[in-house]
PDB file of N, CA and C in Angstrom:
ATOM      1  N   MET A   1     195.491  38.805 -24.182  1.00  0.00           N
ATOM      2  CA  MET A   1     196.262  37.820 -24.765  1.00  0.00           C
ATOM      3  C   MET A   1     195.249  36.660 -25.751  1.00  0.00           C
ATOM      4  N   ASP A   2     194.605  36.301 -25.094  1.00  0.00           N
ATOM      5  CA  ASP A   2     193.156  35.524 -25.674  1.00  0.00           C
ATOM      6  C   ASP A   2     192.667  35.413 -26.661  1.00  0.00           C
ATOM      7  N   ASN A   3     193.118  36.855 -27.730  1.00  0.00           N
ATOM      8  CA  ASN A   3     192.746  37.166 -28.577  1.00  0.00           C
ATOM      9  C   ASN A   3     193.087  37.165 -29.566  1.00  0.00           C
ATOM     10  N   VAL A   4     194.329  36.841 -30.005  1.00  0.00           N
ATOM     11  CA  VAL A   4     195.625  36.617 -30.512  1.00  0.00           C
ATOM     12  C   VAL A   4     195.438  35.619 -31.813  1.00  0.00           C
ATOM     13  N   THR A   5     195.161  36.164 -32.754  1.00  0.00           N
ATOM     14  CA  THR A   5     194.800  35.529 -33.736  1.00  0.00           C
ATOM     15  C   THR A   5     196.232  34.554 -34.637  1.00  0.00           C
ATOM     16  N   PRO A   6     196.355  34.098 -35.631  1.00  0.00           N
ATOM     17  CA  PRO A   6     197.150  33.667 -36.025  1.00  0.00           C
ATOM     18  C   PRO A   6     197.716  34.716 -36.598  1.00  0.00           C
ATOM     19  N   LYS A   7     197.403  35.942 -37.408  1.00  0.00           N
ATOM     20  CA  LYS A   7     198.130  36.594 -38.292  1.00  0.00           C
ATOM     21  C   LYS A   7     198.677  37.769 -37.620  1.00  0.00           C
ATOM     22  N   LEU A   8     198.504  37.889 -36.329  1.00  0.00           N
ATOM     23  CA  LEU A   8     198.626  38.918 -35.485  1.00  0.00           C
ATOM     24  C   LEU A   8     200.212  38.203 -34.856  1.00  0.00           C
ATOM     25  N   ALA A   9     200.026  36.972 -34.812  1.00  0.00           N
ATOM     26  CA  ALA A   9     201.149  36.312 -33.950  1.00  0.00           C
ATOM     27  C   ALA A   9     202.779  36.373 -34.761  1.00  0.00           C
ATOM     28  N   ALA A  10     201.559  36.137 -36.267  1.00  0.00           N
ATOM     29  CA  ALA A  10     202.896  36.210 -37.555  1.00  0.00           C
ATOM     30  C   ALA A  10     203.768  37.315 -37.679  1.00  0.00           C
ATOM     31  N   THR A  11     202.667  38.822 -37.165  1.00  0.00           N
ATOM     32  CA  THR A  11     202.668  39.780 -37.749  1.00  0.00           C
ATOM     33  C   THR A  11     204.211  39.701 -36.513  1.00  0.00           C
ATOM     34  N   PHE A  12     204.045  39.624 -35.263  1.00  0.00           N
ATOM     35  CA  PHE A  12     204.711  39.678 -34.409  1.00  0.00           C
ATOM     36  C   PHE A  12     206.281  39.111 -34.551  1.00  0.00           C
ATOM     37  N   GLY A  13     205.683  38.161 -34.914  1.00  0.00           N
ATOM     38  CA  GLY A  13     207.730  37.321 -35.218  1.00  0.00           C
ATOM     39  C   GLY A  13     207.622  37.918 -36.223  1.00  0.00           C
ATOM     40  N   VAL A  14     207.546  38.112 -37.317  1.00  0.00           N
ATOM     41  CA  VAL A  14     208.181  38.838 -38.126  1.00  0.00           C
ATOM     42  C   VAL A  14     209.001  40.391 -37.779  1.00  0.00           C
ATOM     43  N   GLY A  15     207.844  40.887 -37.307  1.00  0.00           N
ATOM     44  CA  GLY A  15     208.812  42.521 -37.046  1.00  0.00           C
ATOM     45  C   GLY A  15     210.303  41.754 -35.550  1.00  0.00           C
ATOM     46  N   PHE A  16     209.925  40.721 -34.727  1.00  0.00           N
ATOM     47  CA  PHE A  16     211.212  40.747 -33.684  1.00  0.00           C
ATOM     48  C   PHE A  16     211.808  40.227 -34.625  1.00  0.00           C
ATOM     49  N   MET A  17     211.638  39.099 -36.028  1.00  0.00           N
ATOM     50  CA  MET A  17     212.636  38.866 -36.390  1.00  0.00           C
ATOM     51  C   MET A  17     213.637  39.775 -37.153  1.00  0.00           C
ATOM     52  N   GLY A  18     212.890  40.953 -37.794  1.00  0.00           N
ATOM     53  CA  GLY A  18     213.649  42.301 -38.380  1.00  0.00           C
ATOM     54  C   GLY A  18     214.093  43.172 -37.348  1.00  0.00           C
ATOM     55  N   PHE A  19     213.664  43.137 -36.023  1.00  0.00           N
ATOM     56  CA  PHE A  19     214.560  44.117 -35.331  1.00  0.00           C
ATOM     57  C   PHE A  19     215.690  43.150 -34.492  1.00  0.00           C
ATOM     58  N   ILE A  20     215.646  41.272 -34.714  1.00  0.00           N
ATOM     59  CA  ILE A  20     216.874  40.992 -34.331  1.00  0.00           C
ATOM     60  C   ILE A  20     217.442  41.288 -35.821  1.00  0.00           C
ATOM     61  N   LEU A  21     217.838  40.673 -36.694  1.00  0.00           N
ATOM     62  CA  LEU A  21     218.765  40.999 -37.683  1.00  0.00           C
ATOM     63  C   LEU A  21     219.069  43.387 -37.953  1.00  0.00           C
ATOM     64  N   ALA A  22     218.146  43.673 -37.548  1.00  0.00           N
ATOM     65  CA  ALA A  22     218.733  44.873 -37.288  1.00  0.00           C
ATOM     66  C   ALA A  22     219.583  45.471 -36.098  1.00  0.00           C
ATOM     67  N   ALA A  23     219.416  44.695 -35.549  1.00  0.00           N
ATOM     68  CA  ALA A  23     220.401  44.641 -34.261  1.00  0.00           C
ATOM     69  C   ALA A  23     221.548  44.253 -34.651  1.00  0.00           C
ATOM     70  N   TYR A  24     222.227  43.152 -35.019  1.00  0.00           N
ATOM     71  CA  TYR A  24     222.583  42.289 -35.815  1.00  0.00           C
ATOM     72  C   TYR A  24     223.917  42.970 -36.677  1.00  0.00           C
ATOM     73  N   SER A  25     223.357  43.684 -37.321  1.00  0.00           N
ATOM     74  CA  SER A  25     224.249  44.138 -38.388  1.00  0.00           C
ATOM     75  C   SER A  25     224.470  45.501 -38.035  1.00  0.00           C
ATOM     76  N   TYR A  26     223.435  46.296 -37.136  1.00  0.00           N
ATOM     77  CA  TYR A  26     223.975  47.315 -36.555  1.00  0.00           C
ATOM     78  C   TYR A  26     225.354  46.881 -35.708  1.00  0.00           C
ATOM     79  N   ASN A  27     225.447  46.182 -34.677  1.00  0.00           N
ATOM     80  CA  ASN A  27     226.798  45.365 -34.031  1.00  0.00           C
ATOM     81  C   ASN A  27     227.442  45.616 -34.791  1.00  0.00           C
ATOM     82  N   LYS A  28     227.330  44.692 -36.059  1.00  0.00           N
ATOM     83  CA  LYS A  28     228.720  43.939 -36.926  1.00  0.00           C
ATOM     84  C   LYS A  28     229.276  45.421 -37.503  1.00  0.00           C
ATOM     85  N   TYR A  29     228.077  46.198 -37.741  1.00  0.00           N
ATOM     86  CA  TYR A  29     229.120  47.203 -38.554  1.00  0.00           C
ATOM     87  C   TYR A  29     228.846  48.208 -38.151  1.00  0.00           C
ATOM     88  N   HIS A  30     229.358  48.633 -36.479  1.00  0.00           N
ATOM     89  CA  HIS A  30     229.525  49.437 -36.100  1.00  0.00           C
ATOM     90  C   HIS A  30     230.764  49.136 -34.982  1.00  0.00           C
ATOM     91  N   LYS A  31     231.335  48.603 -35.632  1.00  0.00           N
ATOM     92  CA  LYS A  31     232.854  48.331 -34.602  1.00  0.00           C
ATOM     93  C   LYS A  31     233.580  49.449 -34.927  1.00  0.00           C
ATOM     94  N   PRO A  32     234.478  49.459 -34.273  1.00  0.00           N
ATOM     95  CA  PRO A  32     235.743  50.937 -34.335  1.00  0.00           C
ATOM     96  C   PRO A  32     236.663  50.848 -35.542  1.00  0.00           C
ATOM     97  N   GLU A  33     236.854  49.370 -35.804  1.00  0.00           N
ATOM     98  CA  GLU A  33     238.056  49.143 -36.702  1.00  0.00           C
ATOM     99  C   GLU A  33     236.786  49.624 -38.423  1.00  0.00           C
ATOM    100  N   TYR A  34     235.663  48.818 -38.215  1.00  0.00           N
ATOM    101  CA  TYR A  34     234.948  49.798 -39.420  1.00  0.00           C
ATOM    102  C   TYR A  34     234.580  50.351 -39.577  1.00  0.00           C
ATOM    103  N   THR A  35     234.229  51.429 -38.594  1.00  0.00           N
ATOM    104  CA  THR A  35     234.324  52.819 -38.524  1.00  0.00           C
ATOM    105  C   THR A  35     234.842  53.470 -39.269  1.00  0.00           C
ATOM    106  N   GLU A  36     236.334  53.302 -38.596  1.00  0.00           N
ATOM    107  CA  GLU A  36     237.665  54.055 -39.117  1.00  0.00           C
ATOM    108  C   GLU A  36     238.054  53.578 -40.506  1.00  0.00           C
ATOM    109  N   GLU A  37     237.567  52.910 -40.882  1.00  0.00           N
ATOM    110  CA  GLU A  37     237.535  52.177 -42.608  1.00  0.00           C
ATOM    111  C   GLU A  37     236.426  53.242 -42.944  1.00  0.00           C
ATOM    112  N   LEU A  38     235.351  53.168 -42.648  1.00  0.00           N
ATOM    113  CA  LEU A  38     234.733  53.833 -43.011  1.00  0.00           C
ATOM    114  C   LEU A  38     234.790  55.701 -43.294  1.00  0.00           C
ATOM    115  N   ILE A  39     235.609  56.133 -42.170  1.00  0.00           N
ATOM    116  CA  ILE A  39     236.293  57.861 -42.286  1.00  0.00           C
ATOM    117  C   ILE A  39     237.299  58.027 -43.254  1.00  0.00           C
ATOM    118  N   ILE A  40     238.082  56.344 -43.301  1.00  0.00           N
ATOM    119  CA  ILE A  40     239.246  56.833 -44.294  1.00  0.00           C
ATOM    120  C   ILE A  40     238.430  56.839 -45.381  1.00  0.00           C
ATOM    121  N   ASN A  41     237.528  55.803 -46.411  1.00  0.00           N
ATOM    122  CA  ASN A  41     237.686  56.183 -46.813  1.00  0.00           C
ATOM    123  C   ASN A  41     236.399  57.246 -47.603  1.00  0.00           C
ATOM    124  N   ALA A  42     235.925  57.524 -46.603  1.00  0.00           N
ATOM    125  CA  ALA A  42     234.868  58.896 -47.078  1.00  0.00           C
ATOM    126  C   ALA A  42     236.167  60.410 -47.200  1.00  0.00           C
ATOM    127  N   ASP A  43     237.139  60.058 -46.719  1.00  0.00           N
ATOM    128  CA  ASP A  43     237.836  61.233 -46.930  1.00  0.00           C
ATOM    129  C   ASP A  43     238.231  61.212 -48.511  1.00  0.00           C
ATOM    130  N   THR A  44     238.816  59.852 -48.494  1.00  0.00           N
ATOM    131  CA  THR A  44     239.544  59.801 -49.961  1.00  0.00           C
ATOM    132  C   THR A  44     238.519  60.235 -50.957  1.00  0.00           C
ATOM    133  N   GLU A  45     237.379  59.902 -50.728  1.00  0.00           N
ATOM    134  CA  GLU A  45     235.868  59.710 -51.854  1.00  0.00           C
ATOM    135  C   GLU A  45     235.894  61.103 -52.015  1.00  0.00           C
ATOM    136  N   LYS A  46     235.728  62.307 -50.796  1.00  0.00           N
ATOM    137  CA  LYS A  46     235.452  63.214 -51.168  1.00  0.00           C
ATOM    138  C   LYS A  46     237.193  64.424 -52.222  1.00  0.00           C
ATOM    139  N   ASP A  47     237.947  63.700 -51.650  1.00  0.00           N
ATOM    140  CA  ASP A  47     239.082  64.384 -52.451  1.00  0.00           C
ATOM    141  C   ASP A  47     239.102  64.855 -53.742  1.00  0.00           C
ATOM    142  N   GLU A  48     238.535  62.846 -54.457  1.00  0.00           N
ATOM    143  CA  GLU A  48     238.080  62.055 -55.851  1.00  0.00           C
ATOM    144  C   GLU A  48     237.473  63.185 -56.233  1.00  0.00           C
ATOM    145  N   SER A  49     236.282  63.277 -55.710  1.00  0.00           N
ATOM    146  CA  SER A  49     234.980  64.127 -56.033  1.00  0.00           C
ATOM    147  C   SER A  49     234.994  65.631 -56.425  1.00  0.00           C
ATOM    148  N   LYS A  50     236.142  66.353 -55.506  1.00  0.00           N
ATOM    149  CA  LYS A  50     236.351  67.542 -55.599  1.00  0.00           C
ATOM    150  C   LYS A  50     237.110  67.956 -57.012  1.00  0.00           C
ATOM    151  N   VAL A  51     238.028  67.092 -57.619  1.00  0.00           N
ATOM    152  CA  VAL A  51     238.628  66.903 -58.359  1.00  0.00           C
ATOM    153  C   VAL A  51     237.458  66.895 -59.893  1.00  0.00           C
ATOM    154  N   ASN A  52     236.274  65.684 -59.672  1.00  0.00           N
ATOM    155  CA  ASN A  52     235.631  65.402 -60.942  1.00  0.00           C
ATOM    156  C   ASN A  52     234.802  66.234 -61.008  1.00  0.00           C
ATOM    157  N   THR A  53     234.008  66.880 -59.805  1.00  0.00           N
ATOM    158  CA  THR A  53     233.084  67.914 -60.132  1.00  0.00           C
ATOM    159  C   THR A  53     233.817  69.370 -60.389  1.00  0.00           C
ATOM    160  N   GLU A  54     234.511  69.228 -60.363  1.00  0.00           N
ATOM    161  CA  GLU A  54     235.523  70.752 -60.801  1.00  0.00           C
ATOM    162  C   GLU A  54     235.748  70.294 -62.416  1.00  0.00           C
ATOM    163  N   ILE A  55     235.865  69.306 -63.369  1.00  0.00           N
ATOM    164  CA  ILE A  55     236.482  68.861 -64.401  1.00  0.00           C
ATOM    165  C   ILE A  55     234.194  68.710 -65.423  1.00  0.00           C
ATOM    166  N   GLU A  56     233.789  68.331 -64.148  1.00  0.00           N
ATOM    167  CA  GLU A  56     232.096  68.018 -64.888  1.00  0.00           C
ATOM    168  C   GLU A  56     231.248  69.327 -64.768  1.00  0.00           C
ATOM    169  N   LYS A  57     232.007  70.268 -64.021  1.00  0.00           N
ATOM    170  CA  LYS A  57     231.595  72.055 -64.133  1.00  0.00           C
ATOM    171  C   LYS A  57     231.486  72.729 -65.422  1.00  0.00           C
ATOM    172  N   LYS A  58     233.311  72.301 -65.766  1.00  0.00           N
ATOM    173  CA  LYS A  58     233.656  73.250 -67.072  1.00  0.00           C
ATOM    174  C   LYS A  58     233.203  72.121 -67.805  1.00  0.00           C
ATOM    175  N   GLU A  59     233.092  70.927 -68.283  1.00  0.00           N
ATOM    176  CA  GLU A  59     232.359  70.282 -68.903  1.00  0.00           C
ATOM    177  C   GLU A  59     230.914  70.783 -69.546  1.00  0.00           C
ATOM    178  N   VAL A  60     230.172  71.154 -68.244  1.00  0.00           N
ATOM    179  CA  VAL A  60     228.918  71.253 -68.582  1.00  0.00           C
ATOM    180  C   VAL A  60     228.622  72.193 -68.678  1.00  0.00           C
ATOM    181  N   THR A  61     229.413  73.396 -68.628  1.00  0.00           N
ATOM    182  CA  THR A  61     229.415  75.295 -68.775  1.00  0.00           C
ATOM    183  C   THR A  61     229.236  74.811 -70.558  1.00  0.00           C
ATOM    184  N   GLU A  62     230.541  74.531 -70.375  1.00  0.00           N
ATOM    185  CA  GLU A  62     230.923  74.456 -72.282  1.00  0.00           C
ATOM    186  C   GLU A  62     229.615  73.879 -73.063  1.00  0.00           C
ATOM    187  N   VAL A  63     228.997  72.324 -72.625  1.00  0.00           N
ATOM    188  CA  VAL A  63     227.713  72.088 -73.404  1.00  0.00           C
ATOM    189  C   VAL A  63     226.849  73.670 -73.087  1.00  0.00           C
ATOM    190  N   ILE A  64     226.599  73.806 -72.208  1.00  0.00           N
ATOM    191  CA  ILE A  64     225.641  74.462 -72.276  1.00  0.00           C
ATOM    192  C   ILE A  64     225.534  75.838 -73.023  1.00  0.00           C
ATOM    193  N   LYS A  65     226.789  76.064 -73.391  1.00  0.00           N
ATOM    194  CA  LYS A  65     226.988  77.585 -73.529  1.00  0.00           C
ATOM    195  C   LYS A  65     226.490  77.366 -75.582  1.00  0.00           C
ATOM    196  N   THR A  66     226.971  75.813 -76.372  1.00  0.00           N
ATOM    197  CA  THR A  66     226.994  75.479 -77.333  1.00  0.00           C
ATOM    198  C   THR A  66     225.552  75.198 -77.312  1.00  0.00           C
ATOM    199  N   GLN A  67     224.741  74.537 -76.373  1.00  0.00           N
ATOM    200  CA  GLN A  67     223.416  74.438 -77.142  1.00  0.00           C
ATOM    201  C   GLN A  67     222.748  75.344 -76.964  1.00  0.00           C
ATOM    202  N   TRP A  68     223.005  76.572 -75.647  1.00  0.00           N
ATOM    203  CA  TRP A  68     222.247  77.654 -75.141  1.00  0.00           C
ATOM    204  C   TRP A  68     222.101  78.180 -77.071  1.00  0.00           C
ATOM    205  N   ASN A  69     223.420  78.452 -77.800  1.00  0.00           N
ATOM    206  CA  ASN A  69     223.260  79.564 -78.782  1.00  0.00           C
ATOM    207  C   ASN A  69     223.358  78.741 -79.907  1.00  0.00           C
ATOM    208  N   ASP A  70     223.005  77.159 -80.109  1.00  0.00           N
ATOM    209  CA  ASP A  70     222.198  76.723 -80.996  1.00  0.00           C
ATOM    210  C   ASP A  70     220.741  76.628 -81.041  1.00  0.00           C
ATOM    211  N   PHE A  71     220.550  76.310 -79.277  1.00  0.00           N
ATOM    212  CA  PHE A  71     218.590  76.661 -79.461  1.00  0.00           C
ATOM    213  C   PHE A  71     218.184  78.054 -79.969  1.00  0.00           C
ATOM    214  N   TRP A  72     218.782  79.009 -79.394  1.00  0.00           N
ATOM    215  CA  TRP A  72     218.507  80.316 -79.956  1.00  0.00           C
ATOM    216  C   TRP A  72     218.617  80.721 -81.195  1.00  0.00           C
ATOM    217  N   LYS A  73     219.615  80.303 -81.899  1.00  0.00           N
ATOM    218  CA  LYS A  73     219.265  80.298 -83.006  1.00  0.00           C
ATOM    219  C   LYS A  73     218.440  79.720 -84.289  1.00  0.00           C
ATOM    220  N   LYS A  74     218.077  78.503 -83.644  1.00  0.00           N
ATOM    221  CA  LYS A  74     217.548  77.708 -83.971  1.00  0.00           C
ATOM    222  C   LYS A  74     215.568  78.496 -83.870  1.00  0.00           C
ATOM    223  N   GLU A  75     216.025  79.115 -82.720  1.00  0.00           N
ATOM    224  CA  GLU A  75     214.494  79.809 -82.394  1.00  0.00           C
ATOM    225  C   GLU A  75     214.213  81.266 -83.321  1.00  0.00           C
ATOM    226  N   PHE A  76     215.204  81.814 -83.434  1.00  0.00           N
ATOM    227  CA  PHE A  76     215.271  82.585 -84.690  1.00  0.00           C
ATOM    228  C   PHE A  76     214.668  82.717 -85.559  1.00  0.00           C
ATOM    229  N   LEU A  77     215.821  81.309 -86.175  1.00  0.00           N
ATOM    230  CA  LEU A  77     215.069  81.061 -87.463  1.00  0.00           C
ATOM    231  C   LEU A  77     214.219  80.730 -87.790  1.00  0.00           C
ATOM    232  N   ASP A  78     212.955  79.822 -86.552  1.00  0.00           N
ATOM    233  CA  ASP A  78     211.714  79.510 -86.467  1.00  0.00           C
ATOM    234  C   ASP A  78     210.845  80.683 -86.714  1.00  0.00           C
ATOM    235  N   LEU A  79     210.880  81.685 -85.729  1.00  0.00           N
ATOM    236  CA  LEU A  79     210.428  82.692 -85.721  1.00  0.00           C
ATOM    237  C   LEU A  79     210.375  83.689 -87.075  1.00  0.00           C
ATOM    238  N   LYS A  80     211.768  83.690 -87.926  1.00  0.00           N
ATOM    239  CA  LYS A  80     212.157  84.026 -89.160  1.00  0.00           C
ATOM    240  C   LYS A  80     211.477  83.558 -90.008  1.00  0.00           C
ATOM    241  N   TYR A  81     211.069  82.393 -90.270  1.00  0.00           N
ATOM    242  CA  TYR A  81     210.486  81.778 -91.228  1.00  0.00           C
ATOM    243  C   TYR A  81     209.153  81.853 -91.220  1.00  0.00           C
ATOM    244  N   ASN A  82     207.932  81.530 -89.492  1.00  0.00           N
ATOM    245  CA  ASN A  82     207.305  81.760 -89.855  1.00  0.00           C
ATOM    246  C   ASN A  82     206.589  83.036 -90.161  1.00  0.00           C
ATOM    247  N   LYS A  83     207.089  84.162 -89.260  1.00  0.00           N
ATOM    248  CA  LYS A  83     206.741  85.506 -89.378  1.00  0.00           C
ATOM    249  C   LYS A  83     206.756  85.885 -90.843  1.00  0.00           C
ATOM    250  N   LYS A  84     207.178  85.443 -91.958  1.00  0.00           N
ATOM    251  CA  LYS A  84     207.382  85.516 -93.371  1.00  0.00           C
ATOM    252  C   LYS A  84     206.015  84.908 -94.231  1.00  0.00           C
ATOM    253  N   GLU A  85     206.147  83.131 -93.334  1.00  0.00           N
ATOM    254  CA  GLU A  85     204.728  82.579 -93.965  1.00  0.00           C
ATOM    255  C   GLU A  85     203.811  83.461 -93.626  1.00  0.00           C
ATOM    256  N   VAL A  86     203.347  83.722 -92.473  1.00  0.00           N
ATOM    257  CA  VAL A  86     201.804  84.886 -91.765  1.00  0.00           C
ATOM    258  C   VAL A  86     201.839  85.950 -93.129  1.00  0.00           C
ATOM    259  N   LYS A  87     202.791  86.442 -93.561  1.00  0.00           N
ATOM    260  CA  LYS A  87     202.616  87.613 -94.260  1.00  0.00           C
ATOM    261  C   LYS A  87     202.375  86.984 -95.523  1.00  0.00           C
ATOM    262  N   THR A  88     202.911  85.905 -95.739  1.00  0.00           N
ATOM    263  CA  THR A  88     202.445  85.699 -97.369  1.00  0.00           C
ATOM    264  C   THR A  88     200.876  84.715 -97.288  1.00  0.00           C
ATOM    265  N   LYS A  89     200.574  84.619 -96.109  1.00  0.00           N
ATOM    266  CA  LYS A  89     199.015  84.242 -95.841  1.00  0.00           C
ATOM    267  C   LYS A  89     198.317  85.459 -95.947  1.00  0.00           C
ATOM    268  N   ASN A  90     198.709  86.865 -95.240  1.00  0.00           N
ATOM    269  CA  ASN A  90     197.848  87.071 -94.768  1.00  0.00           C
ATOM    270  C   ASN A  90     197.565  88.309 -96.425  1.00  0.00           C
ATOM    271  N   THR A  91     198.796  88.685 -97.432  1.00  0.00           N
ATOM    272  CA  THR A  91     198.554  89.068 -98.046  1.00  0.00           C
ATOM    273  C   THR A  91     198.135  88.642 -99.849  1.00  0.00           C
ATOM    274  N   SER A  92     197.565  86.919 -99.116  1.00  0.00           N
ATOM    275  CA  SER A  92     196.650  86.024-100.485  1.00  0.00           C
ATOM    276  C   SER A  92     195.621  86.595 -99.926  1.00  0.00           C
TER     277      SER A  92
END
């Protein structure tokens, strides 16, 4: 302990304060009433999220279908146009 520098002592002090704050917050938020409230809130969020995810899945599939069709239509037209352009360059 003779070779303890001020930097090392400060590091230990900050670490100890972090430990105290972590222990305090753990005790504060892990009381039985608080955990029961969290469980109830989590259950209601699960029910709401199931409905929301089903709606979002339907919306996403509709968007994907339209974008997918538009994408391939554009690609086909680009390929078709590029083939015509290449043919005209080769014949010149």
